[in-house]
Structure formats: structure tokens, C-alpha cells
mmCIF file of all heavy atoms, coordinates in Angstrom:
data_MODEL
# 
_entry.id   MODEL 
# 
loop_
_atom_site.group_PDB 
_atom_site.id 
_atom_site.type_symbol 
_atom_site.label_atom_id 
_atom_site.label_alt_id 
_atom_site.label_comp_id 
_atom_site.label_asym_id 
_atom_site.label_entity_id 
_atom_site.label_seq_id 
_atom_site.pdbx_PDB_ins_code 
_atom_site.Cartn_x 
_atom_site.Cartn_y 
_atom_site.Cartn_z 
_atom_site.occupancy 
_atom_site.B_iso_or_equiv 
_atom_site.pdbx_formal_charge 
_atom_site.auth_seq_id 
_atom_site.auth_comp_id 
_atom_site.auth_asym_id 
_atom_site.auth_atom_id 
_atom_site.pdbx_PDB_model_num 
ATOM 1   N N   . TYR A 1 1  ? -3.945  0.356   -1.960  1.00 0.00 ? 1  TYR A N   1 
ATOM 2   C CA  . TYR A 1 1  ? -3.659  1.777   -1.737  1.00 0.00 ? 1  TYR A CA  1 
ATOM 3   C C   . TYR A 1 1  ? -3.369  2.490   -3.052  1.00 0.00 ? 1  TYR A C   1 
ATOM 4   O O   . TYR A 1 1  ? -3.908  3.567   -3.310  1.00 0.00 ? 1  TYR A O   1 
ATOM 5   C CB  . TYR A 1 1  ? -2.471  1.922   -0.778  1.00 0.00 ? 1  TYR A CB  1 
ATOM 6   C CG  . TYR A 1 1  ? -1.980  3.334   -0.651  1.00 0.00 ? 1  TYR A CG  1 
ATOM 7   C CD1 . TYR A 1 1  ? -2.673  4.257   0.128   1.00 0.00 ? 1  TYR A CD1 1 
ATOM 8   C CD2 . TYR A 1 1  ? -0.840  3.758   -1.329  1.00 0.00 ? 1  TYR A CD2 1 
ATOM 9   C CE1 . TYR A 1 1  ? -2.233  5.569   0.225   1.00 0.00 ? 1  TYR A CE1 1 
ATOM 10  C CE2 . TYR A 1 1  ? -0.403  5.059   -1.240  1.00 0.00 ? 1  TYR A CE2 1 
ATOM 11  C CZ  . TYR A 1 1  ? -1.098  5.966   -0.460  1.00 0.00 ? 1  TYR A CZ  1 
ATOM 12  O OH  . TYR A 1 1  ? -0.663  7.256   -0.370  1.00 0.00 ? 1  TYR A OH  1 
ATOM 13  N N   . GLN A 1 2  ? -2.511  1.878   -3.867  1.00 0.00 ? 2  GLN A N   1 
ATOM 14  C CA  . GLN A 1 2  ? -2.172  2.514   -5.146  1.00 0.00 ? 2  GLN A CA  1 
ATOM 15  C C   . GLN A 1 2  ? -3.388  2.620   -6.062  1.00 0.00 ? 2  GLN A C   1 
ATOM 16  O O   . GLN A 1 2  ? -3.557  3.611   -6.781  1.00 0.00 ? 2  GLN A O   1 
ATOM 17  C CB  . GLN A 1 2  ? -1.060  1.729   -5.845  1.00 0.00 ? 2  GLN A CB  1 
ATOM 18  C CG  . GLN A 1 2  ? 0.277   1.853   -5.163  1.00 0.00 ? 2  GLN A CG  1 
ATOM 19  C CD  . GLN A 1 2  ? 1.321   0.928   -5.754  1.00 0.00 ? 2  GLN A CD  1 
ATOM 20  O OE1 . GLN A 1 2  ? 1.010   -0.063  -6.398  1.00 0.00 ? 2  GLN A OE1 1 
ATOM 21  N NE2 . GLN A 1 2  ? 2.589   1.254   -5.513  1.00 0.00 ? 2  GLN A NE2 1 
ATOM 22  N N   . GLY A 1 3  ? -4.245  1.611   -6.042  1.00 0.00 ? 3  GLY A N   1 
ATOM 23  C CA  . GLY A 1 3  ? -5.450  1.643   -6.863  1.00 0.00 ? 3  GLY A CA  1 
ATOM 24  C C   . GLY A 1 3  ? -6.394  2.754   -6.440  1.00 0.00 ? 3  GLY A C   1 
ATOM 25  O O   . GLY A 1 3  ? -6.908  3.505   -7.296  1.00 0.00 ? 3  GLY A O   1 
ATOM 26  N N   . ILE A 1 4  ? -6.616  2.890   -5.147  1.00 0.00 ? 4  ILE A N   1 
ATOM 27  C CA  . ILE A 1 4  ? -7.475  3.956   -4.649  1.00 0.00 ? 4  ILE A CA  1 
ATOM 28  C C   . ILE A 1 4  ? -6.867  5.323   -4.959  1.00 0.00 ? 4  ILE A C   1 
ATOM 29  O O   . ILE A 1 4  ? -7.565  6.264   -5.364  1.00 0.00 ? 4  ILE A O   1 
ATOM 30  C CB  . ILE A 1 4  ? -7.708  3.806   -3.133  1.00 0.00 ? 4  ILE A CB  1 
ATOM 31  C CG1 . ILE A 1 4  ? -8.442  2.506   -2.819  1.00 0.00 ? 4  ILE A CG1 1 
ATOM 32  C CG2 . ILE A 1 4  ? -8.456  5.003   -2.556  1.00 0.00 ? 4  ILE A CG2 1 
ATOM 33  C CD1 . ILE A 1 4  ? -9.866  2.443   -3.287  1.00 0.00 ? 4  ILE A CD1 1 
ATOM 34  N N   . LEU A 1 5  ? -5.546  5.432   -4.789  1.00 0.00 ? 5  LEU A N   1 
ATOM 35  C CA  . LEU A 1 5  ? -4.861  6.694   -5.081  1.00 0.00 ? 5  LEU A CA  1 
ATOM 36  C C   . LEU A 1 5  ? -5.020  7.078   -6.549  1.00 0.00 ? 5  LEU A C   1 
ATOM 37  O O   . LEU A 1 5  ? -5.289  8.242   -6.877  1.00 0.00 ? 5  LEU A O   1 
ATOM 38  C CB  . LEU A 1 5  ? -3.378  6.578   -4.717  1.00 0.00 ? 5  LEU A CB  1 
ATOM 39  C CG  . LEU A 1 5  ? -2.539  7.836   -4.900  1.00 0.00 ? 5  LEU A CG  1 
ATOM 40  C CD1 . LEU A 1 5  ? -3.030  8.949   -3.983  1.00 0.00 ? 5  LEU A CD1 1 
ATOM 41  C CD2 . LEU A 1 5  ? -1.075  7.523   -4.642  1.00 0.00 ? 5  LEU A CD2 1 
ATOM 42  N N   . ARG A 1 6  ? -4.879  6.096   -7.451  1.00 0.00 ? 6  ARG A N   1 
ATOM 43  C CA  . ARG A 1 6  ? -5.031  6.380   -8.887  1.00 0.00 ? 6  ARG A CA  1 
ATOM 44  C C   . ARG A 1 6  ? -6.466  6.817   -9.199  1.00 0.00 ? 6  ARG A C   1 
ATOM 45  O O   . ARG A 1 6  ? -6.684  7.699   -10.023 1.00 0.00 ? 6  ARG A O   1 
ATOM 46  C CB  . ARG A 1 6  ? -4.680  5.160   -9.742  1.00 0.00 ? 6  ARG A CB  1 
ATOM 47  C CG  . ARG A 1 6  ? -3.260  4.674   -9.668  1.00 0.00 ? 6  ARG A CG  1 
ATOM 48  C CD  . ARG A 1 6  ? -2.245  5.716   -10.059 1.00 0.00 ? 6  ARG A CD  1 
ATOM 49  N NE  . ARG A 1 6  ? -0.904  5.197   -10.089 1.00 0.00 ? 6  ARG A NE  1 
ATOM 50  C CZ  . ARG A 1 6  ? -0.103  5.062   -9.039  1.00 0.00 ? 6  ARG A CZ  1 
ATOM 51  N NH1 . ARG A 1 6  ? -0.524  5.385   -7.854  1.00 0.00 ? 6  ARG A NH1 1 
ATOM 52  N NH2 . ARG A 1 6  ? 1.127   4.613   -9.163  1.00 0.00 ? 6  ARG A NH2 1 
ATOM 53  N N   . LEU A 1 7  ? -7.438  6.202   -8.525  1.00 0.00 ? 7  LEU A N   1 
ATOM 54  C CA  . LEU A 1 7  ? -8.827  6.603   -8.745  1.00 0.00 ? 7  LEU A CA  1 
ATOM 55  C C   . LEU A 1 7  ? -9.064  8.036   -8.277  1.00 0.00 ? 7  LEU A C   1 
ATOM 56  O O   . LEU A 1 7  ? -9.750  8.815   -8.941  1.00 0.00 ? 7  LEU A O   1 
ATOM 57  C CB  . LEU A 1 7  ? -9.780  5.645   -8.018  1.00 0.00 ? 7  LEU A CB  1 
ATOM 58  C CG  . LEU A 1 7  ? -9.903  4.238   -8.594  1.00 0.00 ? 7  LEU A CG  1 
ATOM 59  C CD1 . LEU A 1 7  ? -10.788 3.381   -7.707  1.00 0.00 ? 7  LEU A CD1 1 
ATOM 60  C CD2 . LEU A 1 7  ? -10.436 4.272   -10.007 1.00 0.00 ? 7  LEU A CD2 1 
ATOM 61  N N   . ILE A 1 8  ? -8.497  8.372   -7.121  1.00 0.00 ? 8  ILE A N   1 
ATOM 62  C CA  . ILE A 1 8  ? -8.655  9.734   -6.602  1.00 0.00 ? 8  ILE A CA  1 
ATOM 63  C C   . ILE A 1 8  ? -7.983  10.746  -7.522  1.00 0.00 ? 8  ILE A C   1 
ATOM 64  O O   . ILE A 1 8  ? -8.492  11.848  -7.732  1.00 0.00 ? 8  ILE A O   1 
ATOM 65  C CB  . ILE A 1 8  ? -8.090  9.825   -5.171  1.00 0.00 ? 8  ILE A CB  1 
ATOM 66  C CG1 . ILE A 1 8  ? -8.973  9.020   -4.222  1.00 0.00 ? 8  ILE A CG1 1 
ATOM 67  C CG2 . ILE A 1 8  ? -7.979  11.258  -4.695  1.00 0.00 ? 8  ILE A CG2 1 
ATOM 68  C CD1 . ILE A 1 8  ? -8.412  8.851   -2.833  1.00 0.00 ? 8  ILE A CD1 1 
ATOM 69  N N   . GLU A 1 9  ? -6.831  10.356  -8.075  1.00 0.00 ? 9  GLU A N   1 
ATOM 70  C CA  . GLU A 1 9  ? -6.105  11.254  -8.984  1.00 0.00 ? 9  GLU A CA  1 
ATOM 71  C C   . GLU A 1 9  ? -6.793  11.396  -10.334 1.00 0.00 ? 9  GLU A C   1 
ATOM 72  O O   . GLU A 1 9  ? -6.403  12.231  -11.139 1.00 0.00 ? 9  GLU A O   1 
ATOM 73  C CB  . GLU A 1 9  ? -4.676  10.741  -9.197  1.00 0.00 ? 9  GLU A CB  1 
ATOM 74  C CG  . GLU A 1 9  ? -3.802  10.848  -7.966  1.00 0.00 ? 9  GLU A CG  1 
ATOM 75  C CD  . GLU A 1 9  ? -2.457  10.183  -8.136  1.00 0.00 ? 9  GLU A CD  1 
ATOM 76  O OE1 . GLU A 1 9  ? -2.303  9.357   -9.086  1.00 0.00 ? 9  GLU A OE1 1 
ATOM 77  O OE2 . GLU A 1 9  ? -1.564  10.462  -7.332  1.00 0.00 ? 9  GLU A OE2 1 
ATOM 78  N N   . GLY A 1 10 ? -7.786  10.583  -10.604 1.00 0.00 ? 10 GLY A N   1 
ATOM 79  C CA  . GLY A 1 10 ? -8.519  10.677  -11.862 1.00 0.00 ? 10 GLY A CA  1 
ATOM 80  C C   . GLY A 1 10 ? -8.095  9.677   -12.913 1.00 0.00 ? 10 GLY A C   1 
ATOM 81  O O   . GLY A 1 10 ? -8.600  9.698   -14.030 1.00 0.00 ? 10 GLY A O   1 
ATOM 82  N N   . ASN A 1 11 ? -7.188  8.792   -12.593 1.00 0.00 ? 11 ASN A N   1 
ATOM 83  C CA  . ASN A 1 11 ? -6.723  7.784   -13.543 1.00 0.00 ? 11 ASN A CA  1 
ATOM 84  C C   . ASN A 1 11 ? -7.516  6.493   -13.302 1.00 0.00 ? 11 ASN A C   1 
ATOM 85  O O   . ASN A 1 11 ? -7.046  5.568   -12.652 1.00 0.00 ? 11 ASN A O   1 
ATOM 86  C CB  . ASN A 1 11 ? -5.220  7.569   -13.358 1.00 0.00 ? 11 ASN A CB  1 
ATOM 87  C CG  . ASN A 1 11 ? -4.619  6.737   -14.457 1.00 0.00 ? 11 ASN A CG  1 
ATOM 88  O OD1 . ASN A 1 11 ? -5.328  6.131   -15.245 1.00 0.00 ? 11 ASN A OD1 1 
ATOM 89  N ND2 . ASN A 1 11 ? -3.298  6.707   -14.504 1.00 0.00 ? 11 ASN A ND2 1 
ATOM 90  N N   . GLN A 1 12 ? -8.737  6.464   -13.824 1.00 0.00 ? 12 GLN A N   1 
ATOM 91  C CA  . GLN A 1 12 ? -9.648  5.347   -13.556 1.00 0.00 ? 12 GLN A CA  1 
ATOM 92  C C   . GLN A 1 12 ? -9.152  4.017   -14.115 1.00 0.00 ? 12 GLN A C   1 
ATOM 93  O O   . GLN A 1 12 ? -9.309  2.981   -13.477 1.00 0.00 ? 12 GLN A O   1 
ATOM 94  C CB  . GLN A 1 12 ? -11.050 5.643   -14.120 1.00 0.00 ? 12 GLN A CB  1 
ATOM 95  C CG  . GLN A 1 12 ? -11.937 6.423   -13.190 1.00 0.00 ? 12 GLN A CG  1 
ATOM 96  C CD  . GLN A 1 12 ? -11.546 7.869   -13.049 1.00 0.00 ? 12 GLN A CD  1 
ATOM 97  O OE1 . GLN A 1 12 ? -10.926 8.434   -13.939 1.00 0.00 ? 12 GLN A OE1 1 
ATOM 98  N NE2 . GLN A 1 12 ? -11.907 8.474   -11.939 1.00 0.00 ? 12 GLN A NE2 1 
ATOM 99  N N   . ALA A 1 13 ? -8.572  4.020   -15.288 1.00 0.00 ? 13 ALA A N   1 
ATOM 100 C CA  . ALA A 1 13 ? -8.144  2.764   -15.915 1.00 0.00 ? 13 ALA A CA  1 
ATOM 101 C C   . ALA A 1 13 ? -7.056  2.083   -15.094 1.00 0.00 ? 13 ALA A C   1 
ATOM 102 O O   . ALA A 1 13 ? -7.142  0.886   -14.789 1.00 0.00 ? 13 ALA A O   1 
ATOM 103 C CB  . ALA A 1 13 ? -7.648  3.025   -17.334 1.00 0.00 ? 13 ALA A CB  1 
ATOM 104 N N   . GLU A 1 14 ? -6.035  2.838   -14.721 1.00 0.00 ? 14 GLU A N   1 
ATOM 105 C CA  . GLU A 1 14 ? -4.941  2.255   -13.948 1.00 0.00 ? 14 GLU A CA  1 
ATOM 106 C C   . GLU A 1 14 ? -5.400  1.880   -12.541 1.00 0.00 ? 14 GLU A C   1 
ATOM 107 O O   . GLU A 1 14 ? -5.019  0.838   -12.011 1.00 0.00 ? 14 GLU A O   1 
ATOM 108 C CB  . GLU A 1 14 ? -3.767  3.233   -13.876 1.00 0.00 ? 14 GLU A CB  1 
ATOM 109 C CG  . GLU A 1 14 ? -2.522  2.627   -13.275 1.00 0.00 ? 14 GLU A CG  1 
ATOM 110 C CD  . GLU A 1 14 ? -1.354  3.593   -13.252 1.00 0.00 ? 14 GLU A CD  1 
ATOM 111 O OE1 . GLU A 1 14 ? -1.442  4.675   -13.863 1.00 0.00 ? 14 GLU A OE1 1 
ATOM 112 O OE2 . GLU A 1 14 ? -0.345  3.236   -12.610 1.00 0.00 ? 14 GLU A OE2 1 
ATOM 113 N N   . GLY A 1 15 ? -6.231  2.730   -11.925 1.00 0.00 ? 15 GLY A N   1 
ATOM 114 C CA  . GLY A 1 15 ? -6.737  2.448   -10.591 1.00 0.00 ? 15 GLY A CA  1 
ATOM 115 C C   . GLY A 1 15 ? -7.588  1.196   -10.550 1.00 0.00 ? 15 GLY A C   1 
ATOM 116 O O   . GLY A 1 15 ? -7.445  0.353   -9.668  1.00 0.00 ? 15 GLY A O   1 
ATOM 117 N N   . THR A 1 16 ? -8.455  1.050   -11.535 1.00 0.00 ? 16 THR A N   1 
ATOM 118 C CA  . THR A 1 16 ? -9.304  -0.142  -11.609 1.00 0.00 ? 16 THR A CA  1 
ATOM 119 C C   . THR A 1 16 ? -8.465  -1.389  -11.837 1.00 0.00 ? 16 THR A C   1 
ATOM 120 O O   . THR A 1 16 ? -8.713  -2.430  -11.225 1.00 0.00 ? 16 THR A O   1 
ATOM 121 C CB  . THR A 1 16 ? -10.342 0.022   -12.736 1.00 0.00 ? 16 THR A CB  1 
ATOM 122 O OG1 . THR A 1 16 ? -11.071 1.224   -12.519 1.00 0.00 ? 16 THR A OG1 1 
ATOM 123 C CG2 . THR A 1 16 ? -11.292 -1.149  -12.776 1.00 0.00 ? 16 THR A CG2 1 
ATOM 124 N N   . ALA A 1 17 ? -7.459  -1.291  -12.687 1.00 0.00 ? 17 ALA A N   1 
ATOM 125 C CA  . ALA A 1 17 ? -6.585  -2.438  -12.953 1.00 0.00 ? 17 ALA A CA  1 
ATOM 126 C C   . ALA A 1 17 ? -5.845  -2.862  -11.686 1.00 0.00 ? 17 ALA A C   1 
ATOM 127 O O   . ALA A 1 17 ? -5.750  -4.062  -11.391 1.00 0.00 ? 17 ALA A O   1 
ATOM 128 C CB  . ALA A 1 17 ? -5.583  -2.103  -14.053 1.00 0.00 ? 17 ALA A CB  1 
ATOM 129 N N   . LEU A 1 18 ? -5.343  -1.904  -10.940 1.00 0.00 ? 18 LEU A N   1 
ATOM 130 C CA  . LEU A 1 18 ? -4.641  -2.235  -9.698  1.00 0.00 ? 18 LEU A CA  1 
ATOM 131 C C   . LEU A 1 18 ? -5.586  -2.855  -8.667  1.00 0.00 ? 18 LEU A C   1 
ATOM 132 O O   . LEU A 1 18 ? -5.213  -3.806  -7.972  1.00 0.00 ? 18 LEU A O   1 
ATOM 133 C CB  . LEU A 1 18 ? -3.975  -0.985  -9.117  1.00 0.00 ? 18 LEU A CB  1 
ATOM 134 C CG  . LEU A 1 18 ? -2.692  -0.526  -9.803  1.00 0.00 ? 18 LEU A CG  1 
ATOM 135 C CD1 . LEU A 1 18 ? -2.302  0.867   -9.347  1.00 0.00 ? 18 LEU A CD1 1 
ATOM 136 C CD2 . LEU A 1 18 ? -1.576  -1.514  -9.548  1.00 0.00 ? 18 LEU A CD2 1 
ATOM 137 N N   . LEU A 1 19 ? -6.798  -2.341  -8.566  1.00 0.00 ? 19 LEU A N   1 
ATOM 138 C CA  . LEU A 1 19 ? -7.754  -2.904  -7.606  1.00 0.00 ? 19 LEU A CA  1 
ATOM 139 C C   . LEU A 1 19 ? -8.179  -4.316  -7.998  1.00 0.00 ? 19 LEU A C   1 
ATOM 140 O O   . LEU A 1 19 ? -8.314  -5.189  -7.133  1.00 0.00 ? 19 LEU A O   1 
ATOM 141 C CB  . LEU A 1 19 ? -8.967  -1.987  -7.469  1.00 0.00 ? 19 LEU A CB  1 
ATOM 142 C CG  . LEU A 1 19 ? -8.699  -0.676  -6.732  1.00 0.00 ? 19 LEU A CG  1 
ATOM 143 C CD1 . LEU A 1 19 ? -9.914  0.223   -6.781  1.00 0.00 ? 19 LEU A CD1 1 
ATOM 144 C CD2 . LEU A 1 19 ? -8.291  -0.944  -5.296  1.00 0.00 ? 19 LEU A CD2 1 
ATOM 145 N N   . PHE A 1 20 ? -8.358  -4.550  -9.294  1.00 0.00 ? 20 PHE A N   1 
ATOM 146 C CA  . PHE A 1 20 ? -8.693  -5.906  -9.734  1.00 0.00 ? 20 PHE A CA  1 
ATOM 147 C C   . PHE A 1 20 ? -7.532  -6.865  -9.483  1.00 0.00 ? 20 PHE A C   1 
ATOM 148 O O   . PHE A 1 20 ? -7.740  -8.017  -9.098  1.00 0.00 ? 20 PHE A O   1 
ATOM 149 C CB  . PHE A 1 20 ? -9.114  -5.934  -11.205 1.00 0.00 ? 20 PHE A CB  1 
ATOM 150 C CG  . PHE A 1 20 ? -10.577 -5.707  -11.399 1.00 0.00 ? 20 PHE A CG  1 
ATOM 151 C CD1 . PHE A 1 20 ? -11.030 -4.535  -11.981 1.00 0.00 ? 20 PHE A CD1 1 
ATOM 152 C CD2 . PHE A 1 20 ? -11.494 -6.649  -10.990 1.00 0.00 ? 20 PHE A CD2 1 
ATOM 153 C CE1 . PHE A 1 20 ? -12.382 -4.309  -12.157 1.00 0.00 ? 20 PHE A CE1 1 
ATOM 154 C CE2 . PHE A 1 20 ? -12.853 -6.440  -11.153 1.00 0.00 ? 20 PHE A CE2 1 
ATOM 155 C CZ  . PHE A 1 20 ? -13.300 -5.259  -11.739 1.00 0.00 ? 20 PHE A CZ  1 
ATOM 156 N N   . GLU A 1 21 ? -6.310  -6.392  -9.689  1.00 0.00 ? 21 GLU A N   1 
ATOM 157 C CA  . GLU A 1 21 ? -5.155  -7.239  -9.404  1.00 0.00 ? 21 GLU A CA  1 
ATOM 158 C C   . GLU A 1 21 ? -5.091  -7.581  -7.917  1.00 0.00 ? 21 GLU A C   1 
ATOM 159 O O   . GLU A 1 21 ? -4.802  -8.718  -7.548  1.00 0.00 ? 21 GLU A O   1 
ATOM 160 C CB  . GLU A 1 21 ? -3.865  -6.549  -9.846  1.00 0.00 ? 21 GLU A CB  1 
ATOM 161 C CG  . GLU A 1 21 ? -2.645  -7.431  -9.716  1.00 0.00 ? 21 GLU A CG  1 
ATOM 162 C CD  . GLU A 1 21 ? -1.378  -6.785  -10.224 1.00 0.00 ? 21 GLU A CD  1 
ATOM 163 O OE1 . GLU A 1 21 ? -1.418  -5.633  -10.696 1.00 0.00 ? 21 GLU A OE1 1 
ATOM 164 O OE2 . GLU A 1 21 ? -0.329  -7.446  -10.138 1.00 0.00 ? 21 GLU A OE2 1 
ATOM 165 N N   . ALA A 1 22 ? -5.385  -6.611  -7.062  1.00 0.00 ? 22 ALA A N   1 
ATOM 166 C CA  . ALA A 1 22 ? -5.409  -6.860  -5.617  1.00 0.00 ? 22 ALA A CA  1 
ATOM 167 C C   . ALA A 1 22 ? -6.484  -7.884  -5.258  1.00 0.00 ? 22 ALA A C   1 
ATOM 168 O O   . ALA A 1 22 ? -6.248  -8.777  -4.434  1.00 0.00 ? 22 ALA A O   1 
ATOM 169 C CB  . ALA A 1 22 ? -5.643  -5.554  -4.862  1.00 0.00 ? 22 ALA A CB  1 
ATOM 170 N N   . ILE A 1 23 ? -7.633  -7.788  -5.899  1.00 0.00 ? 23 ILE A N   1 
ATOM 171 C CA  . ILE A 1 23 ? -8.710  -8.754  -5.650  1.00 0.00 ? 23 ILE A CA  1 
ATOM 172 C C   . ILE A 1 23 ? -8.280  -10.147 -6.105  1.00 0.00 ? 23 ILE A C   1 
ATOM 173 O O   . ILE A 1 23 ? -8.502  -11.137 -5.392  1.00 0.00 ? 23 ILE A O   1 
ATOM 174 C CB  . ILE A 1 23 ? -10.005 -8.310  -6.367  1.00 0.00 ? 23 ILE A CB  1 
ATOM 175 C CG1 . ILE A 1 23 ? -10.581 -7.070  -5.684  1.00 0.00 ? 23 ILE A CG1 1 
ATOM 176 C CG2 . ILE A 1 23 ? -11.034 -9.433  -6.400  1.00 0.00 ? 23 ILE A CG2 1 
ATOM 177 C CD1 . ILE A 1 23 ? -11.681 -6.389  -6.463  1.00 0.00 ? 23 ILE A CD1 1 
ATOM 178 N N   . PHE A 1 24 ? -7.653  -10.235 -7.266  1.00 0.00 ? 24 PHE A N   1 
ATOM 179 C CA  . PHE A 1 24 ? -7.199  -11.536 -7.771  1.00 0.00 ? 24 PHE A CA  1 
ATOM 180 C C   . PHE A 1 24 ? -6.121  -12.139 -6.868  1.00 0.00 ? 24 PHE A C   1 
ATOM 181 O O   . PHE A 1 24 ? -6.090  -13.356 -6.661  1.00 0.00 ? 24 PHE A O   1 
ATOM 182 C CB  . PHE A 1 24 ? -6.707  -11.431 -9.209  1.00 0.00 ? 24 PHE A CB  1 
ATOM 183 C CG  . PHE A 1 24 ? -7.798  -11.151 -10.204 1.00 0.00 ? 24 PHE A CG  1 
ATOM 184 C CD1 . PHE A 1 24 ? -7.566  -10.319 -11.284 1.00 0.00 ? 24 PHE A CD1 1 
ATOM 185 C CD2 . PHE A 1 24 ? -9.052  -11.710 -10.060 1.00 0.00 ? 24 PHE A CD2 1 
ATOM 186 C CE1 . PHE A 1 24 ? -8.564  -10.050 -12.202 1.00 0.00 ? 24 PHE A CE1 1 
ATOM 187 C CE2 . PHE A 1 24 ? -10.058 -11.450 -10.967 1.00 0.00 ? 24 PHE A CE2 1 
ATOM 188 C CZ  . PHE A 1 24 ? -9.816  -10.609 -12.047 1.00 0.00 ? 24 PHE A CZ  1 
ATOM 189 N N   . ILE A 1 25 ? -5.237  -11.309 -6.331  1.00 0.00 ? 25 ILE A N   1 
ATOM 190 C CA  . ILE A 1 25 ? -4.215  -11.802 -5.408  1.00 0.00 ? 25 ILE A CA  1 
ATOM 191 C C   . ILE A 1 25 ? -4.875  -12.350 -4.144  1.00 0.00 ? 25 ILE A C   1 
ATOM 192 O O   . ILE A 1 25 ? -4.516  -13.430 -3.658  1.00 0.00 ? 25 ILE A O   1 
ATOM 193 C CB  . ILE A 1 25 ? -3.195  -10.698 -5.071  1.00 0.00 ? 25 ILE A CB  1 
ATOM 194 C CG1 . ILE A 1 25 ? -2.332  -10.394 -6.296  1.00 0.00 ? 25 ILE A CG1 1 
ATOM 195 C CG2 . ILE A 1 25 ? -2.315  -11.109 -3.890  1.00 0.00 ? 25 ILE A CG2 1 
ATOM 196 C CD1 . ILE A 1 25 ? -1.455  -9.169  -6.145  1.00 0.00 ? 25 ILE A CD1 1 
ATOM 197 N N   . ALA A 1 26 ? -5.841  -11.623 -3.615  1.00 0.00 ? 26 ALA A N   1 
ATOM 198 C CA  . ALA A 1 26 ? -6.546  -12.087 -2.414  1.00 0.00 ? 26 ALA A CA  1 
ATOM 199 C C   . ALA A 1 26 ? -7.277  -13.405 -2.676  1.00 0.00 ? 26 ALA A C   1 
ATOM 200 O O   . ALA A 1 26 ? -7.262  -14.315 -1.831  1.00 0.00 ? 26 ALA A O   1 
ATOM 201 C CB  . ALA A 1 26 ? -7.519  -11.011 -1.933  1.00 0.00 ? 26 ALA A CB  1 
# 
């Protein structure tokens, strides 16, 4: 959720990092 929210807000670097972390956790 936080990763998608950061992407929508325009913060691609932080959003991508959060989404990759979520993928690694899964």
C-alpha cells in the first residue's frame, strides 16, 4: 500500500523500493 501510494504521489524511488521490499518479503 505504501509503495503504491508513493508512486501515485510521484515519489518513484521510494515507491519502487517499498514494492521491491514487499516482493522480497513475500
